[in-house]
C-alpha atoms as a PDB file:
ATOM      1  CA  UNK A   1       0.000   0.000   0.000  1.00  0.00           C
ATOM      2  CA  UNK A   2       1.461   3.350  -1.071  1.00  0.00           C
ATOM      3  CA  UNK A   3      -0.830   5.671   0.850  1.00  0.00           C
ATOM      4  CA  UNK A   4      -4.063   6.056   2.787  1.00  0.00           C
ATOM      5  CA  UNK A   5      -6.610   8.637   1.633  1.00  0.00           C
ATOM      6  CA  UNK A   6      -8.855   9.736   4.516  1.00  0.00           C
ATOM      7  CA  UNK A   7     -12.038  11.744   4.039  1.00  0.00           C
ATOM      8  CA  UNK A   8     -12.462  13.189   7.497  1.00  0.00           C
ATOM      9  CA  UNK A   9     -13.894  16.284   9.131  1.00  0.00           C
ATOM     10  CA  UNK A  10     -16.498  14.351  11.103  1.00  0.00           C
ATOM     11  CA  UNK A  11     -16.446  13.120  14.720  1.00  0.00           C
ATOM     12  CA  UNK A  12     -16.000   9.386  15.268  1.00  0.00           C
ATOM     13  CA  UNK A  13     -19.177   7.981  16.789  1.00  0.00           C
ATOM     14  CA  UNK A  14     -20.196   4.462  17.733  1.00  0.00           C
ATOM     15  CA  UNK A  15     -18.482   1.280  18.911  1.00  0.00           C
ATOM     16  CA  UNK A  16     -15.451  -0.532  17.533  1.00  0.00           C
ATOM     17  CA  UNK A  17     -14.123  -3.890  18.748  1.00  0.00           C
ATOM     18  CA  UNK A  18     -10.394  -4.376  19.163  1.00  0.00           C
ATOM     19  CA  UNK A  19      -8.610  -7.360  17.618  1.00  0.00           C
ATOM     20  CA  UNK A  20      -6.382  -9.794  19.443  1.00  0.00           C
ATOM     21  CA  UNK A  21      -2.759  -8.707  19.774  1.00  0.00           C
ATOM     22  CA  UNK A  22      -0.584 -10.072  16.984  1.00  0.00           C
ATOM     23  CA  UNK A  23       2.521  -9.518  19.110  1.00  0.00           C
ATOM     24  CA  UNK A  24       1.014 -11.770  21.785  1.00  0.00           C
ATOM     25  CA  UNK A  25      -0.345 -14.373  19.373  1.00  0.00           C
ATOM     26  CA  UNK A  26       2.957 -15.055  17.591  1.00  0.00           C
ATOM     27  CA  UNK A  27       4.948 -16.192  20.667  1.00  0.00           C
ATOM     28  CA  UNK A  28       1.950 -18.172  21.921  1.00  0.00           C
ATOM     29  CA  UNK A  29       1.819 -20.019  18.595  1.00  0.00           C
ATOM     30  CA  UNK A  30       5.543 -20.749  18.905  1.00  0.00           C
ATOM     31  CA  UNK A  31       4.943 -22.063  22.448  1.00  0.00           C
ATOM     32  CA  UNK A  32       2.867 -24.901  20.966  1.00  0.00           C
ATOM     33  CA  UNK A  33       6.187 -26.414  19.845  1.00  0.00           C
ATOM     34  CA  UNK A  34       6.991 -27.168  23.500  1.00  0.00           C
ATOM     35  CA  UNK A  35       4.365 -29.910  23.871  1.00  0.00           C
ATOM     36  CA  UNK A  36       3.048 -32.948  22.010  1.00  0.00           C
ATOM     37  CA  UNK A  37      -0.516 -32.101  23.070  1.00  0.00           C
ATOM     38  CA  UNK A  38      -2.905 -29.667  21.316  1.00  0.00           C
ATOM     39  CA  UNK A  39      -2.761 -25.975  22.167  1.00  0.00           C
ATOM     40  CA  UNK A  40      -5.945 -24.020  21.462  1.00  0.00           C
ATOM     41  CA  UNK A  41      -5.583 -20.258  20.980  1.00  0.00           C
ATOM     42  CA  UNK A  42      -8.572 -17.912  20.793  1.00  0.00           C
ATOM     43  CA  UNK A  43      -8.888 -14.253  19.764  1.00  0.00           C
ATOM     44  CA  UNK A  44      -6.276 -14.690  17.027  1.00  0.00           C
ATOM     45  CA  UNK A  45      -6.137 -11.656  14.695  1.00  0.00           C
ATOM     46  CA  UNK A  46      -6.458 -12.152  10.952  1.00  0.00           C
ATOM     47  CA  UNK A  47      -3.163 -10.649   9.763  1.00  0.00           C
ATOM     48  CA  UNK A  48      -0.442 -11.855   7.422  1.00  0.00           C
ATOM     49  CA  UNK A  49       2.181 -12.733  10.069  1.00  0.00           C
ATOM     50  CA  UNK A  50      -0.308 -15.099  11.706  1.00  0.00           C
ATOM     51  CA  UNK A  51      -0.839 -16.965   8.445  1.00  0.00           C
ATOM     52  CA  UNK A  52       2.916 -17.057   7.869  1.00  0.00           C
ATOM     53  CA  UNK A  53       3.404 -18.637  11.290  1.00  0.00           C
ATOM     54  CA  UNK A  54       0.662 -21.181  10.593  1.00  0.00           C
ATOM     55  CA  UNK A  55       2.425 -22.092   7.352  1.00  0.00           C
ATOM     56  CA  UNK A  56       5.770 -22.286   9.147  1.00  0.00           C
ATOM     57  CA  UNK A  57       4.476 -24.679  11.812  1.00  0.00           C
ATOM     58  CA  UNK A  58       2.669 -26.794   9.217  1.00  0.00           C
ATOM     59  CA  UNK A  59       5.865 -27.038   7.138  1.00  0.00           C
ATOM     60  CA  UNK A  60       7.630 -28.466  10.186  1.00  0.00           C
ATOM     61  CA  UNK A  61       4.972 -31.163  10.480  1.00  0.00           C
ATOM     62  CA  UNK A  62       2.564 -29.630  12.975  1.00  0.00           C
ATOM     63  CA  UNK A  63      -1.181 -30.104  12.593  1.00  0.00           C
ATOM     64  CA  UNK A  64      -2.701 -26.632  12.376  1.00  0.00           C
ATOM     65  CA  UNK A  65      -6.492 -26.449  12.445  1.00  0.00           C
ATOM     66  CA  UNK A  66      -8.137 -23.172  11.474  1.00  0.00           C
ATOM     67  CA  UNK A  67     -11.498 -22.034  12.771  1.00  0.00           C
ATOM     68  CA  UNK A  68     -14.257 -20.990  10.389  1.00  0.00           C
ATOM     69  CA  UNK A  69     -17.320 -18.792  10.646  1.00  0.00           C
ATOM     70  CA  UNK A  70     -17.836 -17.616  14.192  1.00  0.00           C
ATOM     71  CA  UNK A  71     -14.720 -19.543  15.229  1.00  0.00           C
ATOM     72  CA  UNK A  72     -12.450 -17.935  12.625  1.00  0.00           C
ATOM     73  CA  UNK A  73     -10.326 -16.336  15.340  1.00  0.00           C
ATOM     74  CA  UNK A  74      -9.446 -19.715  16.884  1.00  0.00           C
ATOM     75  CA  UNK A  75      -6.443 -21.869  15.985  1.00  0.00           C
ATOM     76  CA  UNK A  76      -5.564 -25.343  17.271  1.00  0.00           C
ATOM     77  CA  UNK A  77      -1.907 -26.363  16.974  1.00  0.00           C
ATOM     78  CA  UNK A  78      -0.762 -29.940  17.568  1.00  0.00           C
ATOM     79  CA  UNK A  79       2.996 -30.531  17.383  1.00  0.00           C
ATOM     80  CA  UNK A  80       3.001 -34.247  18.127  1.00  0.00           C
ATOM     81  CA  UNK A  81       5.601 -35.282  15.570  1.00  0.00           C
ATOM     82  CA  UNK A  82       7.637 -32.727  13.665  1.00  0.00           C
ATOM     83  CA  UNK A  83       9.174 -33.887  10.417  1.00  0.00           C
ATOM     84  CA  UNK A  84      11.906 -31.255  10.541  1.00  0.00           C
ATOM     85  CA  UNK A  85      12.758 -28.637  13.206  1.00  0.00           C
ATOM     86  CA  UNK A  86      13.682 -26.075  10.553  1.00  0.00           C
ATOM     87  CA  UNK A  87      12.347 -22.638   9.637  1.00  0.00           C
ATOM     88  CA  UNK A  88      13.286 -22.010   6.026  1.00  0.00           C
ATOM     89  CA  UNK A  89      14.147 -18.654   4.525  1.00  0.00           C
ATOM     90  CA  UNK A  90      11.209 -18.758   2.109  1.00  0.00           C
ATOM     91  CA  UNK A  91       8.760 -18.914   5.018  1.00  0.00           C
ATOM     92  CA  UNK A  92      10.351 -16.393   7.363  1.00  0.00           C
ATOM     93  CA  UNK A  93      11.813 -13.794   4.999  1.00  0.00           C
ATOM     94  CA  UNK A  94       8.933 -11.377   5.606  1.00  0.00           C
ATOM     95  CA  UNK A  95       8.579 -11.901   9.360  1.00  0.00           C
ATOM     96  CA  UNK A  96      11.059 -10.715  11.979  1.00  0.00           C
ATOM     97  CA  UNK A  97       9.361 -12.772  14.704  1.00  0.00           C
ATOM     98  CA  UNK A  98      10.480 -16.031  13.078  1.00  0.00           C
ATOM     99  CA  UNK A  99      13.308 -16.365  15.609  1.00  0.00           C
ATOM    100  CA  UNK A 100      10.682 -17.103  18.285  1.00  0.00           C
ATOM    101  CA  UNK A 101      10.739 -20.772  17.238  1.00  0.00           C
ATOM    102  CA  UNK A 102      14.466 -21.101  17.979  1.00  0.00           C
ATOM    103  CA  UNK A 103      14.231 -21.529  21.757  1.00  0.00           C
ATOM    104  CA  UNK A 104      11.226 -23.907  21.772  1.00  0.00           C
ATOM    105  CA  UNK A 105      12.766 -26.166  19.109  1.00  0.00           C
ATOM    106  CA  UNK A 106      16.102 -26.513  20.930  1.00  0.00           C
ATOM    107  CA  UNK A 107      14.351 -27.011  24.281  1.00  0.00           C
ATOM    108  CA  UNK A 108      12.082 -29.833  23.120  1.00  0.00           C
ATOM    109  CA  UNK A 109      13.836 -31.425  20.136  1.00  0.00           C
ATOM    110  CA  UNK A 110      17.469 -30.719  20.998  1.00  0.00           C
ATOM    111  CA  UNK A 111      18.172 -29.026  17.683  1.00  0.00           C
ATOM    112  CA  UNK A 112      16.943 -26.239  15.446  1.00  0.00           C
ATOM    113  CA  UNK A 113      17.809 -24.664  12.122  1.00  0.00           C
ATOM    114  CA  UNK A 114      16.249 -21.240  11.677  1.00  0.00           C
ATOM    115  CA  UNK A 115      16.808 -18.745   8.898  1.00  0.00           C
ATOM    116  CA  UNK A 116      17.624 -15.172   9.784  1.00  0.00           C
ATOM    117  CA  UNK A 117      15.009 -12.730   8.480  1.00  0.00           C
ATOM    118  CA  UNK A 118      16.504 -11.443   5.259  1.00  0.00           C
ATOM    119  CA  UNK A 119      19.047 -14.261   5.244  1.00  0.00           C
ATOM    120  CA  UNK A 120      21.898 -11.885   6.092  1.00  0.00           C
ATOM    121  CA  UNK A 121      24.715 -12.024   8.626  1.00  0.00           C
ATOM    122  CA  UNK A 122      23.943 -11.532  12.308  1.00  0.00           C
ATOM    123  CA  UNK A 123      26.171  -8.487  12.798  1.00  0.00           C
ATOM    124  CA  UNK A 124      24.838  -6.229  15.532  1.00  0.00           C
ATOM    125  CA  UNK A 125      21.236  -7.378  15.149  1.00  0.00           C
ATOM    126  CA  UNK A 126      19.188  -7.994  18.313  1.00  0.00           C
ATOM    127  CA  UNK A 127      19.270 -11.722  17.466  1.00  0.00           C
ATOM    128  CA  UNK A 128      22.630 -11.668  19.271  1.00  0.00           C
ATOM    129  CA  UNK A 129      20.712 -11.529  22.547  1.00  0.00           C
ATOM    130  CA  UNK A 130      18.820 -14.720  21.676  1.00  0.00           C
ATOM    131  CA  UNK A 131      22.048 -16.493  20.790  1.00  0.00           C
ATOM    132  CA  UNK A 132      23.957 -15.366  23.878  1.00  0.00           C
ATOM    133  CA  UNK A 133      21.086 -16.484  26.083  1.00  0.00           C
ATOM    134  CA  UNK A 134      20.805 -19.925  24.490  1.00  0.00           C
ATOM    135  CA  UNK A 135      24.565 -20.380  24.819  1.00  0.00           C
ATOM    136  CA  UNK A 136      24.248 -19.544  28.515  1.00  0.00           C
ATOM    137  CA  UNK A 137      21.657 -22.332  28.712  1.00  0.00           C
ATOM    138  CA  UNK A 138      24.150 -24.755  27.181  1.00  0.00           C
ATOM    139  CA  UNK A 139      23.229 -24.741  23.500  1.00  0.00           C
ATOM    140  CA  UNK A 140      25.882 -24.948  20.813  1.00  0.00           C
ATOM    141  CA  UNK A 141      25.270 -22.289  18.161  1.00  0.00           C
ATOM    142  CA  UNK A 142      26.685 -22.059  14.647  1.00  0.00           C
ATOM    143  CA  UNK A 143      25.840 -19.858  11.684  1.00  0.00           C
ATOM    144  CA  UNK A 144      25.998 -20.984   8.081  1.00  0.00           C
ATOM    145  CA  UNK A 145      24.647 -19.380   4.885  1.00  0.00           C
ATOM    146  CA  UNK A 146      22.076 -17.215   6.637  1.00  0.00           C
ATOM    147  CA  UNK A 147      20.870 -19.933   9.022  1.00  0.00           C
ATOM    148  CA  UNK A 148      21.319 -20.302  12.768  1.00  0.00           C
ATOM    149  CA  UNK A 149      21.847 -23.892  13.868  1.00  0.00           C
ATOM    150  CA  UNK A 150      21.455 -24.733  17.560  1.00  0.00           C
ATOM    151  CA  UNK A 151      21.803 -28.028  19.399  1.00  0.00           C
ATOM    152  CA  UNK A 152      21.816 -29.337  22.972  1.00  0.00           C
ATOM    153  CA  UNK A 153      21.170 -32.683  24.687  1.00  0.00           C
ATOM    154  CA  UNK A 154      19.162 -30.768  27.293  1.00  0.00           C
ATOM    155  CA  UNK A 155      19.342 -27.115  28.182  1.00  0.00           C
ATOM    156  CA  UNK A 156      20.494 -26.281  31.707  1.00  0.00           C
ATOM    157  CA  UNK A 157      19.257 -23.411  33.852  1.00  0.00           C
ATOM    158  CA  UNK A 158      21.429 -20.322  34.192  1.00  0.00           C
ATOM    159  CA  UNK A 159      21.351 -16.651  35.079  1.00  0.00           C
ATOM    160  CA  UNK A 160      20.949 -14.468  32.003  1.00  0.00           C
ATOM    161  CA  UNK A 161      21.242 -10.680  32.016  1.00  0.00           C
ATOM    162  CA  UNK A 162      20.041  -9.010  28.820  1.00  0.00           C
ATOM    163  CA  UNK A 163      22.421  -6.275  27.635  1.00  0.00           C
ATOM    164  CA  UNK A 164      19.371  -4.300  26.586  1.00  0.00           C
ATOM    165  CA  UNK A 165      15.654  -4.850  26.862  1.00  0.00           C
ATOM    166  CA  UNK A 166      14.304  -7.124  24.132  1.00  0.00           C
ATOM    167  CA  UNK A 167      10.721  -8.367  23.871  1.00  0.00           C
ATOM    168  CA  UNK A 168      11.274 -11.292  21.495  1.00  0.00           C
ATOM    169  CA  UNK A 169      14.543 -12.163  23.247  1.00  0.00           C
ATOM    170  CA  UNK A 170      12.753 -12.348  26.596  1.00  0.00           C
ATOM    171  CA  UNK A 171       9.977 -14.471  25.080  1.00  0.00           C
ATOM    172  CA  UNK A 172      12.352 -16.814  23.230  1.00  0.00           C
ATOM    173  CA  UNK A 173      14.524 -17.561  26.264  1.00  0.00           C
ATOM    174  CA  UNK A 174      11.497 -17.747  28.556  1.00  0.00           C
ATOM    175  CA  UNK A 175      10.108 -20.569  26.404  1.00  0.00           C
ATOM    176  CA  UNK A 176      13.472 -22.316  26.216  1.00  0.00           C
ATOM    177  CA  UNK A 177      13.899 -22.153  30.000  1.00  0.00           C
ATOM    178  CA  UNK A 178      10.615 -23.959  30.709  1.00  0.00           C
ATOM    179  CA  UNK A 179      12.142 -27.296  29.650  1.00  0.00           C
ATOM    180  CA  UNK A 180      15.688 -26.611  30.871  1.00  0.00           C
ATOM    181  CA  UNK A 181      17.115 -28.570  33.790  1.00  0.00           C
ATOM    182  CA  UNK A 182      17.133 -26.519  36.984  1.00  0.00           C
ATOM    183  CA  UNK A 183      16.285 -22.856  37.543  1.00  0.00           C
ATOM    184  CA  UNK A 184      16.793 -20.015  35.105  1.00  0.00           C
ATOM    185  CA  UNK A 185      16.829 -16.364  36.179  1.00  0.00           C
ATOM    186  CA  UNK A 186      16.280 -13.752  33.458  1.00  0.00           C
ATOM    187  CA  UNK A 187      17.365 -10.202  34.321  1.00  0.00           C
ATOM    188  CA  UNK A 188      16.534  -6.894  32.601  1.00  0.00           C
ATOM    189  CA  UNK A 189      13.518  -8.509  30.934  1.00  0.00           C
ATOM    190  CA  UNK A 190      10.937  -6.800  28.782  1.00  0.00           C
ATOM    191  CA  UNK A 191       7.826  -5.988  30.830  1.00  0.00           C
ATOM    192  CA  UNK A 192       5.241  -5.690  28.056  1.00  0.00           C
ATOM    193  CA  UNK A 193       1.786  -7.253  28.554  1.00  0.00           C
ATOM    194  CA  UNK A 194       2.576  -9.624  25.685  1.00  0.00           C
ATOM    195  CA  UNK A 195       5.396 -11.181  27.740  1.00  0.00           C
ATOM    196  CA  UNK A 196       3.043 -11.689  30.693  1.00  0.00           C
ATOM    197  CA  UNK A 197       0.439 -13.190  28.354  1.00  0.00           C
ATOM    198  CA  UNK A 198       2.943 -15.734  27.062  1.00  0.00           C
ATOM    199  CA  UNK A 199       3.917 -16.646  30.631  1.00  0.00           C
ATOM    200  CA  UNK A 200       0.227 -17.109  31.445  1.00  0.00           C
ATOM    201  CA  UNK A 201      -0.121 -19.628  28.615  1.00  0.00           C
ATOM    202  CA  UNK A 202       3.096 -21.434  29.594  1.00  0.00           C
ATOM    203  CA  UNK A 203       1.945 -21.754  33.216  1.00  0.00           C
ATOM    204  CA  UNK A 204      -1.339 -23.236  31.969  1.00  0.00           C
ATOM    205  CA  UNK A 205       0.793 -25.756  30.094  1.00  0.00           C
ATOM    206  CA  UNK A 206       2.542 -26.749  33.313  1.00  0.00           C
ATOM    207  CA  UNK A 207       5.522 -24.385  33.404  1.00  0.00           C
ATOM    208  CA  UNK A 208       6.708 -22.810  36.662  1.00  0.00           C
ATOM    209  CA  UNK A 209       7.239 -19.118  35.947  1.00  0.00           C
ATOM    210  CA  UNK A 210       7.287 -16.213  38.392  1.00  0.00           C
ATOM    211  CA  UNK A 211       7.822 -12.517  37.812  1.00  0.00           C
ATOM    212  CA  UNK A 212       6.592 -12.119  34.232  1.00  0.00           C
ATOM    213  CA  UNK A 213       5.855  -8.440  33.669  1.00  0.00           C
ATOM    214  CA  UNK A 214       8.742  -7.391  35.948  1.00  0.00           C
ATOM    215  CA  UNK A 215      12.468  -6.951  35.167  1.00  0.00           C
ATOM    216  CA  UNK A 216      13.292 -10.329  36.777  1.00  0.00           C
ATOM    217  CA  UNK A 217      11.682 -13.611  35.717  1.00  0.00           C
ATOM    218  CA  UNK A 218      12.395 -16.917  37.450  1.00  0.00           C
ATOM    219  CA  UNK A 219      11.720 -20.215  35.699  1.00  0.00           C
ATOM    220  CA  UNK A 220      11.959 -23.658  37.269  1.00  0.00           C
ATOM    221  CA  UNK A 221      12.379 -26.142  34.444  1.00  0.00           C
ATOM    222  CA  UNK A 222      10.071 -29.128  34.071  1.00  0.00           C
ATOM    223  CA  UNK A 223      10.491 -32.358  32.100  1.00  0.00           C
ATOM    224  CA  UNK A 224       7.431 -31.863  29.864  1.00  0.00           C
ATOM    225  CA  UNK A 225       4.572 -29.514  29.160  1.00  0.00           C
ATOM    226  CA  UNK A 226       0.939 -30.310  28.352  1.00  0.00           C
ATOM    227  CA  UNK A 227      -1.663 -28.800  26.077  1.00  0.00           C
ATOM    228  CA  UNK A 228      -3.820 -25.838  27.098  1.00  0.00           C
ATOM    229  CA  UNK A 229      -6.538 -23.435  25.974  1.00  0.00           C
ATOM    230  CA  UNK A 230      -5.741 -19.729  26.033  1.00  0.00           C
ATOM    231  CA  UNK A 231      -7.312 -16.450  24.894  1.00  0.00           C
ATOM    232  CA  UNK A 232      -4.924 -13.892  23.408  1.00  0.00           C
ATOM    233  CA  UNK A 233      -4.970 -10.435  25.015  1.00  0.00           C
ATOM    234  CA  UNK A 234      -6.428  -7.466  23.081  1.00  0.00           C
ATOM    235  CA  UNK A 235      -4.197  -5.324  20.883  1.00  0.00           C
ATOM    236  CA  UNK A 236      -3.234  -2.293  22.958  1.00  0.00           C
ATOM    237  CA  UNK A 237      -1.706  -0.481  19.949  1.00  0.00           C
ATOM    238  CA  UNK A 238      -4.966  -0.710  18.034  1.00  0.00           C
ATOM    239  CA  UNK A 239      -7.006   0.286  21.089  1.00  0.00           C
ATOM    240  CA  UNK A 240      -4.773   3.277  21.815  1.00  0.00           C
ATOM    241  CA  UNK A 241      -5.022   4.446  18.207  1.00  0.00           C
ATOM    242  CA  UNK A 242      -8.818   4.410  18.334  1.00  0.00           C
ATOM    243  CA  UNK A 243      -8.822   6.269  21.655  1.00  0.00           C
ATOM    244  CA  UNK A 244      -6.626   9.045  20.266  1.00  0.00           C
ATOM    245  CA  UNK A 245      -8.707   9.220  17.081  1.00  0.00           C
ATOM    246  CA  UNK A 246     -11.909   9.596  19.105  1.00  0.00           C
ATOM    247  CA  UNK A 247     -10.385  12.402  21.151  1.00  0.00           C
ATOM    248  CA  UNK A 248      -8.893  14.213  18.142  1.00  0.00           C
ATOM    249  CA  UNK A 249     -12.141  14.252  16.181  1.00  0.00           C
ATOM    250  CA  UNK A 250     -14.282  15.385  19.122  1.00  0.00           C
ATOM    251  CA  UNK A 251     -16.260  12.186  18.909  1.00  0.00           C
ATOM    252  CA  UNK A 252     -17.980   9.811  21.283  1.00  0.00           C
ATOM    253  CA  UNK A 253     -16.328   6.453  20.692  1.00  0.00           C
ATOM    254  CA  UNK A 254     -16.586   3.212  22.647  1.00  0.00           C
ATOM    255  CA  UNK A 255     -13.595   0.877  22.231  1.00  0.00           C
ATOM    256  CA  UNK A 256     -14.840  -2.590  23.160  1.00  0.00           C
ATOM    257  CA  UNK A 257     -12.892  -5.750  23.879  1.00  0.00           C
ATOM    258  CA  UNK A 258      -9.780  -3.963  25.177  1.00  0.00           C
ATOM    259  CA  UNK A 259      -7.933  -4.078  28.509  1.00  0.00           C
ATOM    260  CA  UNK A 260      -7.891  -0.607  30.124  1.00  0.00           C
ATOM    261  CA  UNK A 261      -5.037  -1.681  32.432  1.00  0.00           C
ATOM    262  CA  UNK A 262      -2.796  -1.954  29.356  1.00  0.00           C
ATOM    263  CA  UNK A 263      -3.716   1.643  28.445  1.00  0.00           C
ATOM    264  CA  UNK A 264      -3.008   3.398  31.759  1.00  0.00           C
ATOM    265  CA  UNK A 265      -0.289   5.694  30.364  1.00  0.00           C
ATOM    266  CA  UNK A 266      -2.324   6.997  27.438  1.00  0.00           C
ATOM    267  CA  UNK A 267      -5.479   7.408  29.531  1.00  0.00           C
ATOM    268  CA  UNK A 268      -3.580   9.428  32.147  1.00  0.00           C
ATOM    269  CA  UNK A 269      -2.175  11.705  29.447  1.00  0.00           C
ATOM    270  CA  UNK A 270      -5.619  12.271  27.947  1.00  0.00           C
ATOM    271  CA  UNK A 271      -6.962  13.125  31.384  1.00  0.00           C
ATOM    272  CA  UNK A 272      -4.225  15.744  31.757  1.00  0.00           C
ATOM    273  CA  UNK A 273      -5.277  17.161  28.379  1.00  0.00           C
ATOM    274  CA  UNK A 274      -8.878  17.483  29.543  1.00  0.00           C
ATOM    275  CA  UNK A 275     -10.342  14.608  27.528  1.00  0.00           C
ATOM    276  CA  UNK A 276     -13.112  12.670  29.245  1.00  0.00           C
ATOM    277  CA  UNK A 277     -12.837   8.879  29.292  1.00  0.00           C
ATOM    278  CA  UNK A 278     -14.805   6.179  31.044  1.00  0.00           C
ATOM    279  CA  UNK A 279     -13.506   2.644  31.541  1.00  0.00           C
ATOM    280  CA  UNK A 280     -15.126  -0.690  32.344  1.00  0.00           C
ATOM    281  CA  UNK A 281     -13.452  -4.072  32.764  1.00  0.00           C
ATOM    282  CA  UNK A 282     -13.137  -4.542  28.996  1.00  0.00           C
ATOM    283  CA  UNK A 283     -13.889  -1.229  27.292  1.00  0.00           C
ATOM    284  CA  UNK A 284     -12.965   2.444  27.141  1.00  0.00           C
ATOM    285  CA  UNK A 285     -15.316   5.220  26.090  1.00  0.00           C
ATOM    286  CA  UNK A 286     -13.673   8.452  24.929  1.00  0.00           C
ATOM    287  CA  UNK A 287     -15.701  11.661  24.820  1.00  0.00           C
ATOM    288  CA  UNK A 288     -13.720  14.327  23.026  1.00  0.00           C
ATOM    289  CA  UNK A 289     -16.541  16.803  22.463  1.00  0.00           C
ATOM    290  CA  UNK A 290     -14.526  19.834  23.612  1.00  0.00           C
ATOM    291  CA  UNK A 291     -11.161  21.458  23.111  1.00  0.00           C
ATOM    292  CA  UNK A 292      -8.145  19.836  24.736  1.00  0.00           C
ATOM    293  CA  UNK A 293      -4.790  21.180  25.820  1.00  0.00           C
ATOM    294  CA  UNK A 294      -1.563  20.341  24.031  1.00  0.00           C
ATOM    295  CA  UNK A 295       0.394  17.508  25.651  1.00  0.00           C
ATOM    296  CA  UNK A 296       3.812  16.083  24.848  1.00  0.00           C
ATOM    297  CA  UNK A 297       4.203  12.336  24.901  1.00  0.00           C
ATOM    298  CA  UNK A 298       7.490  10.524  24.370  1.00  0.00           C
ATOM    299  CA  UNK A 299       7.139   6.894  23.409  1.00  0.00           C
ATOM    300  CA  UNK A 300       9.403   3.921  23.036  1.00  0.00           C
ATOM    301  CA  UNK A 301      10.304   2.709  19.583  1.00  0.00           C
ATOM    302  CA  UNK A 302       7.316   1.040  17.945  1.00  0.00           C
ATOM    303  CA  UNK A 303       7.397  -2.669  17.366  1.00  0.00           C
ATOM    304  CA  UNK A 304       6.227  -4.791  14.471  1.00  0.00           C
ATOM    305  CA  UNK A 305       2.540  -4.402  15.418  1.00  0.00           C
ATOM    306  CA  UNK A 306       2.215  -1.241  13.332  1.00  0.00           C
ATOM    307  CA  UNK A 307       0.836  -2.900  10.189  1.00  0.00           C
ATOM    308  CA  UNK A 308      -1.827  -4.858  12.036  1.00  0.00           C
ATOM    309  CA  UNK A 309      -2.837  -1.749  13.981  1.00  0.00           C
ATOM    310  CA  UNK A 310      -3.154   0.251  10.749  1.00  0.00           C
ATOM    311  CA  UNK A 311      -5.295  -2.461   9.150  1.00  0.00           C
ATOM    312  CA  UNK A 312      -7.569  -2.779  12.176  1.00  0.00           C
ATOM    313  CA  UNK A 313      -7.942   0.976  12.514  1.00  0.00           C
ATOM    314  CA  UNK A 314      -8.925   1.325   8.858  1.00  0.00           C
ATOM    315  CA  UNK A 315     -11.730  -1.183   9.401  1.00  0.00           C
ATOM    316  CA  UNK A 316     -12.817   0.552  12.588  1.00  0.00           C
ATOM    317  CA  UNK A 317     -12.764   4.030  11.044  1.00  0.00           C
ATOM    318  CA  UNK A 318     -15.086   2.854   8.285  1.00  0.00           C
ATOM    319  CA  UNK A 319     -17.560   1.440  10.807  1.00  0.00           C
ATOM    320  CA  UNK A 320     -17.417   4.708  12.753  1.00  0.00           C
ATOM    321  CA  UNK A 321     -18.342   6.823   9.749  1.00  0.00           C
ATOM    322  CA  UNK A 322     -15.109   8.056   8.150  1.00  0.00           C
ATOM    323  CA  UNK A 323     -14.288   7.046   4.608  1.00  0.00           C
ATOM    324  CA  UNK A 324     -10.787   5.667   4.081  1.00  0.00           C
ATOM    325  CA  UNK A 325      -9.165   4.692   0.823  1.00  0.00           C
ATOM    326  CA  UNK A 326      -5.844   2.968   0.381  1.00  0.00           C
ATOM    327  CA  UNK A 327      -4.048   3.388  -2.884  1.00  0.00           C
ATOM    328  CA  UNK A 328      -1.446   0.999  -4.180  1.00  0.00           C
ATOM    329  CA  UNK A 329      -0.093  -0.157  -7.492  1.00  0.00           C
ATOM    330  CA  UNK A 330      -0.282  -3.612  -8.991  1.00  0.00           C
ATOM    331  CA  UNK A 331       1.230  -4.073 -12.411  1.00  0.00           C
ATOM    332  CA  UNK A 332       1.473  -0.299 -12.803  1.00  0.00           C
ATOM    333  CA  UNK A 333      -2.251   0.238 -12.128  1.00  0.00           C
ATOM    334  CA  UNK A 334      -3.870   2.014  -9.233  1.00  0.00           C
ATOM    335  CA  UNK A 335      -5.690  -0.280  -6.809  1.00  0.00           C
ATOM    336  CA  UNK A 336      -8.154   0.776  -4.099  1.00  0.00           C
ATOM    337  CA  UNK A 337      -8.240  -1.195  -0.864  1.00  0.00           C
ATOM    338  CA  UNK A 338     -11.147   0.376   0.993  1.00  0.00           C
END
């Protein structure tokens, strides 16, 4: 898509429902590799990276069942017998989160061969943090022709201090540590809700994890994990975008299916700006029918959830009354998306 054309000038009114968080769903799908029993995930968003991960797991030999109709946001993953613990370049070249399968594969199968996104050398990429952590757990790591190869008879618990905060690095090593022998202590961990959501699923599967959502996570390794059923948390990026849009347009917008606790920072800032909001257990109503004061907000670097948030917001804007057109080119011709 080359651009979005927005016909605005009207307040956003009505109710929009937030999708499941892609950045929570991807590590939870990778966690299914840790057990030979089915893992059922609900509230899965319909975005490209999800389908890529389904294809990746299926290529390894997993049974991936897709929901249809009213159950289209449900996926059942059964990794009973994998034909090959390998993530090929063709399947992961468009998805940075592909390295999330590295830790689970080494932990359960004792080996993994995973392509680097883009197939290039590691260099100073954040993947270094994954590799250093797995080596601390006892894995032997080599790199050859754009692939990372890891092996270990059984990972052993260790203390790992991340040089810098990494969400996927925290998630990858957290999954690996669940099947490692002994206790693993992860320091300087990412504290995002998506990390806590993954730990929630892993504990349902029989893992022993404490401290997820804090800088220090402790994991007592177990010999095996079981299947589980889990609902993915709502997408806080998408919810926050709708909230800001409702305030900016002076609308009255109800954002349903979100978790207001994941939106504390943005809601506090809007309150300081004079915007009225009202929260329930799973929704936020924003009432921006008056002028608001200017507020500065410094944010962390955005993650890979931007595309899914943009797609979801386009759908929501249309349902709330604003026309949106996306223009792209296919074969040299203009193509409208909305």
